[in-house]
């Protein structure tokens, strides 16, 4: 089950939140990391305190499926456009 683990994705995302320094090294961007965690934590706490619930899970699931299909379609279009632009002969 380790190949289905989400931990490497989260670890890579966390390591990606860095700043490039002039001497070629990278330093952690703590301002962005703290902001990311505090916003997510604030939403979690507010949803628990206020008792937020999903009104109709089936409609939300359908909307998310349509949004993800649109995202995949746009990704496909952009990647094919990028390939066409890089394959163009230089004039």
Protein backbone atom coordinates (compact mmCIF):
# COMPACT_ATOMS: atom_id res chain seq x y z
CA UNK A 1 0.00 0.00 0.00
CA UNK A 2 2.99 2.34 0.14
CA UNK A 3 2.67 3.14 -3.55
CA UNK A 4 -0.77 4.65 -2.88
CA UNK A 5 0.58 6.88 -0.12
CA UNK A 6 -0.01 10.62 -0.46
CA UNK A 7 2.95 11.41 1.82
CA UNK A 8 5.53 11.83 -1.04
CA UNK A 9 3.23 14.33 -2.77
CA UNK A 10 2.77 16.37 0.39
CA UNK A 11 6.51 16.18 1.17
CA UNK A 12 7.39 17.40 -2.33
CA UNK A 13 4.86 20.22 -2.09
CA UNK A 14 6.26 21.26 1.30
CA UNK A 15 9.83 21.22 -0.03
CA UNK A 16 8.71 23.25 -3.04
CA UNK A 17 7.75 26.18 -0.82
CA UNK A 18 11.25 27.66 -0.86
CA UNK A 19 13.07 30.80 -1.92
CA UNK A 20 16.10 30.82 -4.20
CA UNK A 21 19.08 32.63 -2.73
CA UNK A 22 21.70 34.47 -4.78
CA UNK A 23 24.47 31.94 -4.03
CA UNK A 24 22.47 29.10 -5.60
CA UNK A 25 20.99 27.58 -2.46
CA UNK A 26 17.38 27.53 -1.36
CA UNK A 27 15.87 28.52 1.96
CA UNK A 28 12.42 27.62 3.31
CA UNK A 29 9.77 30.28 2.72
CA UNK A 30 8.32 30.28 6.21
CA UNK A 31 5.92 33.15 5.53
CA UNK A 32 4.13 31.15 2.83
CA UNK A 33 4.27 27.90 4.81
CA UNK A 34 2.75 29.51 7.91
CA UNK A 35 0.09 31.29 5.83
CA UNK A 36 -0.84 28.04 4.09
CA UNK A 37 -1.21 26.15 7.35
CA UNK A 38 -2.98 28.94 9.22
CA UNK A 39 -5.62 29.50 6.51
CA UNK A 40 -6.34 25.77 6.28
CA UNK A 41 -6.47 25.52 10.08
CA UNK A 42 -8.79 28.54 10.37
CA UNK A 43 -11.21 27.06 7.84
CA UNK A 44 -11.13 23.72 9.66
CA UNK A 45 -11.83 25.34 13.04
CA UNK A 46 -14.61 27.56 11.64
CA UNK A 47 -16.28 24.62 9.94
CA UNK A 48 -16.20 22.62 13.19
CA UNK A 49 -17.47 25.47 15.38
CA UNK A 50 -20.21 26.58 12.98
CA UNK A 51 -21.23 23.02 12.14
CA UNK A 52 -20.93 23.31 8.37
CA UNK A 53 -22.39 20.41 6.42
CA UNK A 54 -22.57 19.59 2.73
CA UNK A 55 -26.19 20.13 1.71
CA UNK A 56 -26.33 17.72 -1.22
CA UNK A 57 -23.25 15.55 -1.68
CA UNK A 58 -24.43 14.17 -5.03
CA UNK A 59 -24.63 17.63 -6.60
CA UNK A 60 -21.21 18.53 -5.18
CA UNK A 61 -19.72 15.32 -6.53
CA UNK A 62 -21.17 16.00 -9.98
CA UNK A 63 -19.81 19.56 -9.95
CA UNK A 64 -16.35 18.36 -8.95
CA UNK A 65 -16.40 15.74 -11.70
CA UNK A 66 -17.25 18.39 -14.30
CA UNK A 67 -14.56 20.73 -12.98
CA UNK A 68 -11.90 18.02 -13.05
CA UNK A 69 -12.90 17.04 -16.60
CA UNK A 70 -12.57 20.68 -17.64
CA UNK A 71 -9.17 20.86 -15.97
CA UNK A 72 -7.98 17.79 -17.85
CA UNK A 73 -9.29 19.22 -21.13
CA UNK A 74 -7.50 22.53 -20.64
CA UNK A 75 -4.30 20.72 -19.67
CA UNK A 76 -4.48 18.66 -22.86
CA UNK A 77 -5.02 21.74 -25.01
CA UNK A 78 -2.17 23.66 -23.38
CA UNK A 79 0.27 20.78 -23.62
CA UNK A 80 -0.49 20.23 -27.31
CA UNK A 81 -0.09 23.97 -27.95
CA UNK A 82 3.26 23.92 -26.16
CA UNK A 83 4.44 21.00 -28.29
CA UNK A 84 3.38 22.79 -31.47
CA UNK A 85 5.19 25.96 -30.44
CA UNK A 86 8.42 24.14 -29.59
CA UNK A 87 8.32 22.14 -32.84
CA UNK A 88 8.02 25.27 -34.99
CA UNK A 89 11.08 26.05 -37.08
CA UNK A 90 12.89 29.20 -36.00
CA UNK A 91 12.57 32.00 -38.52
